[in-house]
Amino acid sequence: MQALYVGLLLTVLGMGAVFAFLALMVWSVELSAKVLARFAYLMPEKEAPRRKQEARKAAPAGQAAVVPAIVAAVHRHISEKS
């Protein structure tokens, strides 16, 4: 009976320590977010580039007909299946 008591005590103490550590970690992350929000103007985020403009710049002119050809092939395959 003594071993069961010690086992339960260790379980409760261990889980309590883990819970306390996680609670402290959540509190510190929230606090740091509030403190660092005041200094956000020092490091502005860059605007995300627009995907359509990137695709036009990245794709060579010879590959412009590839996408319509693939779409036509898929459409033909689906229409032949049904």
PDB file of N, CA and C in Angstrom:
ATOM      1  N   MET A   1       0.827  -1.192   0.000  1.00  0.00           N
ATOM      2  CA  MET A   1       0.000   0.000   0.000  1.00  0.00           C
ATOM      3  C   MET A   1       0.870   1.254   0.000  1.00  0.00           C
ATOM      4  N   GLN A   2       1.987   1.170   0.674  1.00  0.00           N
ATOM      5  CA  GLN A   2       2.920   2.294   0.728  1.00  0.00           C
ATOM      6  C   GLN A   2       3.464   2.608  -0.666  1.00  0.00           C
ATOM      7  N   ALA A   3       3.769   1.578  -1.460  1.00  0.00           N
ATOM      8  CA  ALA A   3       4.314   1.783  -2.803  1.00  0.00           C
ATOM      9  C   ALA A   3       3.280   2.454  -3.706  1.00  0.00           C
ATOM     10  N   LEU A   4       2.017   2.097  -3.559  1.00  0.00           N
ATOM     11  CA  LEU A   4       0.962   2.716  -4.356  1.00  0.00           C
ATOM     12  C   LEU A   4       0.848   4.198  -4.022  1.00  0.00           C
ATOM     13  N   TYR A   5       0.941   4.520  -2.743  1.00  0.00           N
ATOM     14  CA  TYR A   5       0.873   5.914  -2.305  1.00  0.00           C
ATOM     15  C   TYR A   5       2.047   6.714  -2.876  1.00  0.00           C
ATOM     16  N   VAL A   6       3.222   6.164  -2.818  1.00  0.00           N
ATOM     17  CA  VAL A   6       4.411   6.855  -3.328  1.00  0.00           C
ATOM     18  C   VAL A   6       4.302   7.019  -4.847  1.00  0.00           C
ATOM     19  N   GLY A   7       3.808   5.992  -5.516  1.00  0.00           N
ATOM     20  CA  GLY A   7       3.639   6.083  -6.965  1.00  0.00           C
ATOM     21  C   GLY A   7       2.649   7.161  -7.361  1.00  0.00           C
ATOM     22  N   LEU A   8       1.517   7.225  -6.665  1.00  0.00           N
ATOM     23  CA  LEU A   8       0.528   8.267  -6.959  1.00  0.00           C
ATOM     24  C   LEU A   8       1.065   9.655  -6.633  1.00  0.00           C
ATOM     25  N   LEU A   9       1.813   9.763  -5.546  1.00  0.00           N
ATOM     26  CA  LEU A   9       2.400  11.052  -5.160  1.00  0.00           C
ATOM     27  C   LEU A   9       3.389  11.525  -6.223  1.00  0.00           C
ATOM     28  N   LEU A  10       4.237  10.620  -6.693  1.00  0.00           N
ATOM     29  CA  LEU A  10       5.194  10.989  -7.740  1.00  0.00           C
ATOM     30  C   LEU A  10       4.483  11.368  -9.038  1.00  0.00           C
ATOM     31  N   THR A  11       3.414  10.661  -9.356  1.00  0.00           N
ATOM     32  CA  THR A  11       2.651  10.979 -10.563  1.00  0.00           C
ATOM     33  C   THR A  11       2.049  12.365 -10.467  1.00  0.00           C
ATOM     34  N   VAL A  12       1.423  12.670  -9.337  1.00  0.00           N
ATOM     35  CA  VAL A  12       0.793  13.980  -9.160  1.00  0.00           C
ATOM     36  C   VAL A  12       1.844  15.081  -9.157  1.00  0.00           C
ATOM     37  N   LEU A  13       2.958  14.868  -8.481  1.00  0.00           N
ATOM     38  CA  LEU A  13       4.009  15.885  -8.461  1.00  0.00           C
ATOM     39  C   LEU A  13       4.615  16.088  -9.850  1.00  0.00           C
ATOM     40  N   GLY A  14       4.835  15.011 -10.572  1.00  0.00           N
ATOM     41  CA  GLY A  14       5.402  15.130 -11.914  1.00  0.00           C
ATOM     42  C   GLY A  14       4.468  15.850 -12.870  1.00  0.00           C
ATOM     43  N   MET A  15       3.189  15.478 -12.837  1.00  0.00           N
ATOM     44  CA  MET A  15       2.226  16.140 -13.718  1.00  0.00           C
ATOM     45  C   MET A  15       2.026  17.592 -13.311  1.00  0.00           C
ATOM     46  N   GLY A  16       2.087  17.859 -12.025  1.00  0.00           N
ATOM     47  CA  GLY A  16       1.982  19.248 -11.560  1.00  0.00           C
ATOM     48  C   GLY A  16       3.153  20.084 -12.038  1.00  0.00           C
ATOM     49  N   ALA A  17       4.353  19.501 -11.996  1.00  0.00           N
ATOM     50  CA  ALA A  17       5.529  20.232 -12.465  1.00  0.00           C
ATOM     51  C   ALA A  17       5.427  20.517 -13.964  1.00  0.00           C
ATOM     52  N   VAL A  18       4.977  19.553 -14.736  1.00  0.00           N
ATOM     53  CA  VAL A  18       4.819  19.755 -16.184  1.00  0.00           C
ATOM     54  C   VAL A  18       3.764  20.814 -16.442  1.00  0.00           C
ATOM     55  N   PHE A  19       2.649  20.757 -15.749  1.00  0.00           N
ATOM     56  CA  PHE A  19       1.599  21.756 -15.934  1.00  0.00           C
ATOM     57  C   PHE A  19       2.109  23.146 -15.577  1.00  0.00           C
ATOM     58  N   ALA A  20       2.846  23.262 -14.469  1.00  0.00           N
ATOM     59  CA  ALA A  20       3.382  24.558 -14.059  1.00  0.00           C
ATOM     60  C   ALA A  20       4.361  25.087 -15.105  1.00  0.00           C
ATOM     61  N   PHE A  21       5.215  24.218 -15.638  1.00  0.00           N
ATOM     62  CA  PHE A  21       6.173  24.645 -16.657  1.00  0.00           C
ATOM     63  C   PHE A  21       5.452  25.128 -17.910  1.00  0.00           C
ATOM     64  N   LEU A  22       4.446  24.379 -18.360  1.00  0.00           N
ATOM     65  CA  LEU A  22       3.714  24.790 -19.560  1.00  0.00           C
ATOM     66  C   LEU A  22       2.937  26.087 -19.335  1.00  0.00           C
ATOM     67  N   ALA A  23       2.359  26.245 -18.159  1.00  0.00           N
ATOM     68  CA  ALA A  23       1.646  27.493 -17.852  1.00  0.00           C
ATOM     69  C   ALA A  23       2.613  28.670 -17.853  1.00  0.00           C
ATOM     70  N   LEU A  24       3.801  28.477 -17.280  1.00  0.00           N
ATOM     71  CA  LEU A  24       4.817  29.527 -17.267  1.00  0.00           C
ATOM     72  C   LEU A  24       5.270  29.851 -18.695  1.00  0.00           C
ATOM     73  N   MET A  25       5.403  28.844 -19.530  1.00  0.00           N
ATOM     74  CA  MET A  25       5.826  29.067 -20.908  1.00  0.00           C
ATOM     75  C   MET A  25       4.764  29.837 -21.689  1.00  0.00           C
ATOM     76  N   VAL A  26       3.496  29.487 -21.522  1.00  0.00           N
ATOM     77  CA  VAL A  26       2.421  30.209 -22.206  1.00  0.00           C
ATOM     78  C   VAL A  26       2.377  31.655 -21.735  1.00  0.00           C
ATOM     79  N   TRP A  27       2.510  31.862 -20.457  1.00  0.00           N
ATOM     80  CA  TRP A  27       2.491  33.226 -19.907  1.00  0.00           C
ATOM     81  C   TRP A  27       3.662  34.037 -20.459  1.00  0.00           C
ATOM     82  N   SER A  28       4.853  33.450 -20.519  1.00  0.00           N
ATOM     83  CA  SER A  28       6.012  34.195 -21.006  1.00  0.00           C
ATOM     84  C   SER A  28       5.897  34.506 -22.499  1.00  0.00           C
ATOM     85  N   VAL A  29       5.308  33.607 -23.285  1.00  0.00           N
ATOM     86  CA  VAL A  29       5.128  33.877 -24.712  1.00  0.00           C
ATOM     87  C   VAL A  29       4.123  35.004 -24.912  1.00  0.00           C
ATOM     88  N   GLU A  30       3.044  34.994 -24.161  1.00  0.00           N
ATOM     89  CA  GLU A  30       2.053  36.075 -24.269  1.00  0.00           C
ATOM     90  C   GLU A  30       2.644  37.411 -23.846  1.00  0.00           C
ATOM     91  N   LEU A  31       3.420  37.399 -22.777  1.00  0.00           N
ATOM     92  CA  LEU A  31       4.048  38.632 -22.301  1.00  0.00           C
ATOM     93  C   LEU A  31       5.046  39.158 -23.321  1.00  0.00           C
ATOM     94  N   SER A  32       5.849  38.281 -23.899  1.00  0.00           N
ATOM     95  CA  SER A  32       6.825  38.744 -24.889  1.00  0.00           C
ATOM     96  C   SER A  32       6.133  39.262 -26.140  1.00  0.00           C
ATOM     97  N   ALA A  33       5.004  38.675 -26.517  1.00  0.00           N
ATOM     98  CA  ALA A  33       4.260  39.168 -27.671  1.00  0.00           C
ATOM     99  C   ALA A  33       3.742  40.579 -27.417  1.00  0.00           C
ATOM    100  N   LYS A  34       3.269  40.827 -26.204  1.00  0.00           N
ATOM    101  CA  LYS A  34       2.778  42.168 -25.871  1.00  0.00           C
ATOM    102  C   LYS A  34       3.915  43.182 -25.840  1.00  0.00           C
ATOM    103  N   VAL A  35       5.049  42.788 -25.282  1.00  0.00           N
ATOM    104  CA  VAL A  35       6.182  43.717 -25.177  1.00  0.00           C
ATOM    105  C   VAL A  35       6.768  43.989 -26.554  1.00  0.00           C
ATOM    106  N   LEU A  36       6.960  42.964 -27.352  1.00  0.00           N
ATOM    107  CA  LEU A  36       7.576  43.141 -28.659  1.00  0.00           C
ATOM    108  C   LEU A  36       6.654  43.802 -29.666  1.00  0.00           C
ATOM    109  N   ALA A  37       5.354  43.792 -29.422  1.00  0.00           N
ATOM    110  CA  ALA A  37       4.417  44.469 -30.327  1.00  0.00           C
ATOM    111  C   ALA A  37       4.678  45.968 -30.349  1.00  0.00           C
ATOM    112  N   ARG A  38       5.211  46.507 -29.272  1.00  0.00           N
ATOM    113  CA  ARG A  38       5.518  47.939 -29.219  1.00  0.00           C
ATOM    114  C   ARG A  38       6.642  48.306 -30.182  1.00  0.00           C
ATOM    115  N   PHE A  39       7.511  47.360 -30.485  1.00  0.00           N
ATOM    116  CA  PHE A  39       8.669  47.631 -31.326  1.00  0.00           C
ATOM    117  C   PHE A  39       8.514  47.075 -32.742  1.00  0.00           C
ATOM    118  N   ALA A  40       7.308  46.755 -33.134  1.00  0.00           N
ATOM    119  CA  ALA A  40       7.069  46.166 -34.457  1.00  0.00           C
ATOM    120  C   ALA A  40       7.388  47.148 -35.574  1.00  0.00           C
ATOM    121  N   TYR A  41       7.301  48.440 -35.310  1.00  0.00           N
ATOM    122  CA  TYR A  41       7.575  49.421 -36.346  1.00  0.00           C
ATOM    123  C   TYR A  41       9.044  49.424 -36.748  1.00  0.00           C
ATOM    124  N   LEU A  42       9.915  48.893 -35.911  1.00  0.00           N
ATOM    125  CA  LEU A  42      11.342  48.867 -36.236  1.00  0.00           C
ATOM    126  C   LEU A  42      11.685  47.846 -37.309  1.00  0.00           C
ATOM    127  N   MET A  43      10.882  46.802 -37.419  1.00  0.00           N
ATOM    128  CA  MET A  43      11.122  45.756 -38.419  1.00  0.00           C
ATOM    129  C   MET A  43       9.845  45.516 -39.226  1.00  0.00           C
ATOM    130  N   PRO A  44       9.513  46.406 -40.167  1.00  0.00           N
ATOM    131  CA  PRO A  44       8.281  46.210 -40.943  1.00  0.00           C
ATOM    132  C   PRO A  44       8.413  44.987 -41.841  1.00  0.00           C
ATOM    133  N   GLU A  45       7.310  44.304 -42.021  1.00  0.00           N
ATOM    134  CA  GLU A  45       7.301  43.123 -42.871  1.00  0.00           C
ATOM    135  C   GLU A  45       7.204  43.552 -44.328  1.00  0.00           C
ATOM    136  N   LYS A  46       7.924  42.830 -45.167  1.00  0.00           N
ATOM    137  CA  LYS A  46       7.878  43.140 -46.588  1.00  0.00           C
ATOM    138  C   LYS A  46       6.557  42.646 -47.158  1.00  0.00           C
ATOM    139  N   GLU A  47       6.073  43.373 -48.145  1.00  0.00           N
ATOM    140  CA  GLU A  47       4.820  42.976 -48.781  1.00  0.00           C
ATOM    141  C   GLU A  47       5.059  41.725 -49.612  1.00  0.00           C
ATOM    142  N   ALA A  48       4.155  40.774 -49.499  1.00  0.00           N
ATOM    143  CA  ALA A  48       4.291  39.526 -50.241  1.00  0.00           C
ATOM    144  C   ALA A  48       4.120  39.799 -51.726  1.00  0.00           C
ATOM    145  N   PRO A  49       4.991  39.233 -52.555  1.00  0.00           N
ATOM    146  CA  PRO A  49       4.847  39.465 -53.997  1.00  0.00           C
ATOM    147  C   PRO A  49       3.599  38.782 -54.540  1.00  0.00           C
ATOM    148  N   ARG A  50       3.059  39.378 -55.559  1.00  0.00           N
ATOM    149  CA  ARG A  50       1.860  38.816 -56.161  1.00  0.00           C
ATOM    150  C   ARG A  50       2.245  37.626 -57.015  1.00  0.00           C
ATOM    151  N   ARG A  51       1.492  36.558 -56.897  1.00  0.00           N
ATOM    152  CA  ARG A  51       1.848  35.302 -57.557  1.00  0.00           C
ATOM    153  C   ARG A  51       1.704  35.370 -59.074  1.00  0.00           C
ATOM    154  N   LYS A  52       0.695  36.047 -59.569  1.00  0.00           N
ATOM    155  CA  LYS A  52       0.487  36.095 -61.015  1.00  0.00           C
ATOM    156  C   LYS A  52       1.629  36.835 -61.703  1.00  0.00           C
ATOM    157  N   GLN A  53       2.079  37.909 -61.095  1.00  0.00           N
ATOM    158  CA  GLN A  53       3.180  38.653 -61.684  1.00  0.00           C
ATOM    159  C   GLN A  53       4.467  37.836 -61.634  1.00  0.00           C
ATOM    160  N   GLU A  54       4.665  37.093 -60.562  1.00  0.00           N
ATOM    161  CA  GLU A  54       5.855  36.251 -60.457  1.00  0.00           C
ATOM    162  C   GLU A  54       5.831  35.167 -61.530  1.00  0.00           C
ATOM    163  N   ALA A  55       4.684  34.565 -61.743  1.00  0.00           N
ATOM    164  CA  ALA A  55       4.577  33.484 -62.719  1.00  0.00           C
ATOM    165  C   ALA A  55       4.849  34.008 -64.125  1.00  0.00           C
ATOM    166  N   ARG A  56       4.377  35.195 -64.425  1.00  0.00           N
ATOM    167  CA  ARG A  56       4.619  35.762 -65.750  1.00  0.00           C
ATOM    168  C   ARG A  56       6.097  36.049 -65.958  1.00  0.00           C
ATOM    169  N   LYS A  57       6.754  36.515 -64.922  1.00  0.00           N
ATOM    170  CA  LYS A  57       8.178  36.824 -65.036  1.00  0.00           C
ATOM    171  C   LYS A  57       9.010  35.549 -65.104  1.00  0.00           C
ATOM    172  N   ALA A  58       8.606  34.518 -64.373  1.00  0.00           N
ATOM    173  CA  ALA A  58       9.401  33.302 -64.279  1.00  0.00           C
ATOM    174  C   ALA A  58       9.241  32.400 -65.499  1.00  0.00           C
ATOM    175  N   ALA A  59       8.080  32.395 -66.119  1.00  0.00           N
ATOM    176  CA  ALA A  59       7.829  31.482 -67.245  1.00  0.00           C
ATOM    177  C   ALA A  59       8.359  32.089 -68.540  1.00  0.00           C
ATOM    178  N   PRO A  60       9.197  31.355 -69.257  1.00  0.00           N
ATOM    179  CA  PRO A  60       9.660  31.845 -70.564  1.00  0.00           C
ATOM    180  C   PRO A  60       8.500  31.896 -71.563  1.00  0.00           C
ATOM    181  N   ALA A  61       8.704  32.624 -72.628  1.00  0.00           N
ATOM    182  CA  ALA A  61       7.634  32.809 -73.611  1.00  0.00           C
ATOM    183  C   ALA A  61       7.275  31.510 -74.305  1.00  0.00           C
ATOM    184  N   GLY A  62       8.204  30.589 -74.474  1.00  0.00           N
ATOM    185  CA  GLY A  62       7.942  29.331 -75.150  1.00  0.00           C
ATOM    186  C   GLY A  62       7.038  28.399 -74.356  1.00  0.00           C
ATOM    187  N   GLN A  63       6.966  28.586 -73.073  1.00  0.00           N
ATOM    188  CA  GLN A  63       6.145  27.719 -72.232  1.00  0.00           C
ATOM    189  C   GLN A  63       4.738  28.260 -72.029  1.00  0.00           C
ATOM    190  N   ALA A  64       4.401  29.345 -72.663  1.00  0.00           N
ATOM    191  CA  ALA A  64       3.076  29.944 -72.478  1.00  0.00           C
ATOM    192  C   ALA A  64       1.981  29.043 -73.033  1.00  0.00           C
ATOM    193  N   ALA A  65       2.277  28.214 -74.030  1.00  0.00           N
ATOM    194  CA  ALA A  65       1.266  27.352 -74.637  1.00  0.00           C
ATOM    195  C   ALA A  65       1.158  26.003 -73.941  1.00  0.00           C
ATOM    196  N   VAL A  66       1.989  25.731 -72.950  1.00  0.00           N
ATOM    197  CA  VAL A  66       1.991  24.431 -72.284  1.00  0.00           C
ATOM    198  C   VAL A  66       0.731  24.243 -71.453  1.00  0.00           C
ATOM    199  N   VAL A  67       0.343  25.236 -70.701  1.00  0.00           N
ATOM    200  CA  VAL A  67      -0.819  25.109 -69.825  1.00  0.00           C
ATOM    201  C   VAL A  67      -2.100  24.884 -70.620  1.00  0.00           C
ATOM    202  N   PRO A  68      -2.379  25.655 -71.662  1.00  0.00           N
ATOM    203  CA  PRO A  68      -3.593  25.361 -72.437  1.00  0.00           C
ATOM    204  C   PRO A  68      -3.561  23.976 -73.079  1.00  0.00           C
ATOM    205  N   ALA A  69      -2.386  23.511 -73.475  1.00  0.00           N
ATOM    206  CA  ALA A  69      -2.291  22.173 -74.065  1.00  0.00           C
ATOM    207  C   ALA A  69      -2.614  21.101 -73.031  1.00  0.00           C
ATOM    208  N   ILE A  70      -2.141  21.276 -71.813  1.00  0.00           N
ATOM    209  CA  ILE A  70      -2.429  20.314 -70.751  1.00  0.00           C
ATOM    210  C   ILE A  70      -3.922  20.319 -70.431  1.00  0.00           C
ATOM    211  N   VAL A  71      -4.508  21.504 -70.348  1.00  0.00           N
ATOM    212  CA  VAL A  71      -5.938  21.609 -70.067  1.00  0.00           C
ATOM    213  C   VAL A  71      -6.742  20.918 -71.162  1.00  0.00           C
ATOM    214  N   ALA A  72      -6.359  21.122 -72.424  1.00  0.00           N
ATOM    215  CA  ALA A  72      -7.072  20.484 -73.530  1.00  0.00           C
ATOM    216  C   ALA A  72      -6.930  18.967 -73.476  1.00  0.00           C
ATOM    217  N   ALA A  73      -5.728  18.478 -73.128  1.00  0.00           N
ATOM    218  CA  ALA A  73      -5.518  17.036 -73.045  1.00  0.00           C
ATOM    219  C   ALA A  73      -6.351  16.413 -71.928  1.00  0.00           C
ATOM    220  N   VAL A  74      -6.413  17.060 -70.802  1.00  0.00           N
ATOM    221  CA  VAL A  74      -7.224  16.554 -69.691  1.00  0.00           C
ATOM    222  C   VAL A  74      -8.690  16.563 -70.061  1.00  0.00           C
ATOM    223  N   HIS A  75      -9.131  17.634 -70.684  1.00  0.00           N
ATOM    224  CA  HIS A  75     -10.539  17.732 -71.096  1.00  0.00           C
ATOM    225  C   HIS A  75     -10.886  16.605 -72.092  1.00  0.00           C
ATOM    226  N   ARG A  76      -9.986  16.358 -73.042  1.00  0.00           N
ATOM    227  CA  ARG A  76     -10.235  15.297 -74.029  1.00  0.00           C
ATOM    228  C   ARG A  76     -10.265  13.928 -73.352  1.00  0.00           C
ATOM    229  N   HIS A  77      -9.367  13.706 -72.417  1.00  0.00           N
ATOM    230  CA  HIS A  77      -9.319  12.424 -71.697  1.00  0.00           C
ATOM    231  C   HIS A  77     -10.611  12.190 -70.919  1.00  0.00           C
ATOM    232  N   ILE A  78     -11.086  13.216 -70.262  1.00  0.00           N
ATOM    233  CA  ILE A  78     -12.325  13.094 -69.481  1.00  0.00           C
ATOM    234  C   ILE A  78     -13.515  12.868 -70.403  1.00  0.00           C
ATOM    235  N   SER A  79     -13.556  13.574 -71.534  1.00  0.00           N
ATOM    236  CA  SER A  79     -14.696  13.418 -72.438  1.00  0.00           C
ATOM    237  C   SER A  79     -14.699  12.032 -73.102  1.00  0.00           C
ATOM    238  N   GLU A  80     -13.525  11.453 -73.375  1.00  0.00           N
ATOM    239  CA  GLU A  80     -13.454  10.106 -73.954  1.00  0.00           C
ATOM    240  C   GLU A  80     -13.856   9.039 -72.938  1.00  0.00           C
ATOM    241  N   LYS A  81     -13.591   9.284 -71.685  1.00  0.00           N
ATOM    242  CA  LYS A  81     -13.920   8.326 -70.634  1.00  0.00           C
ATOM    243  C   LYS A  81     -15.430   8.185 -70.455  1.00  0.00           C
ATOM    244  N   SER A  82     -16.154   9.300 -70.572  1.00  0.00           N
ATOM    245  CA  SER A  82     -17.588   9.239 -70.306  1.00  0.00           C
ATOM    246  C   SER A  82     -18.423   9.045 -71.533  1.00  0.00           C
TER     247      SER A  82
END
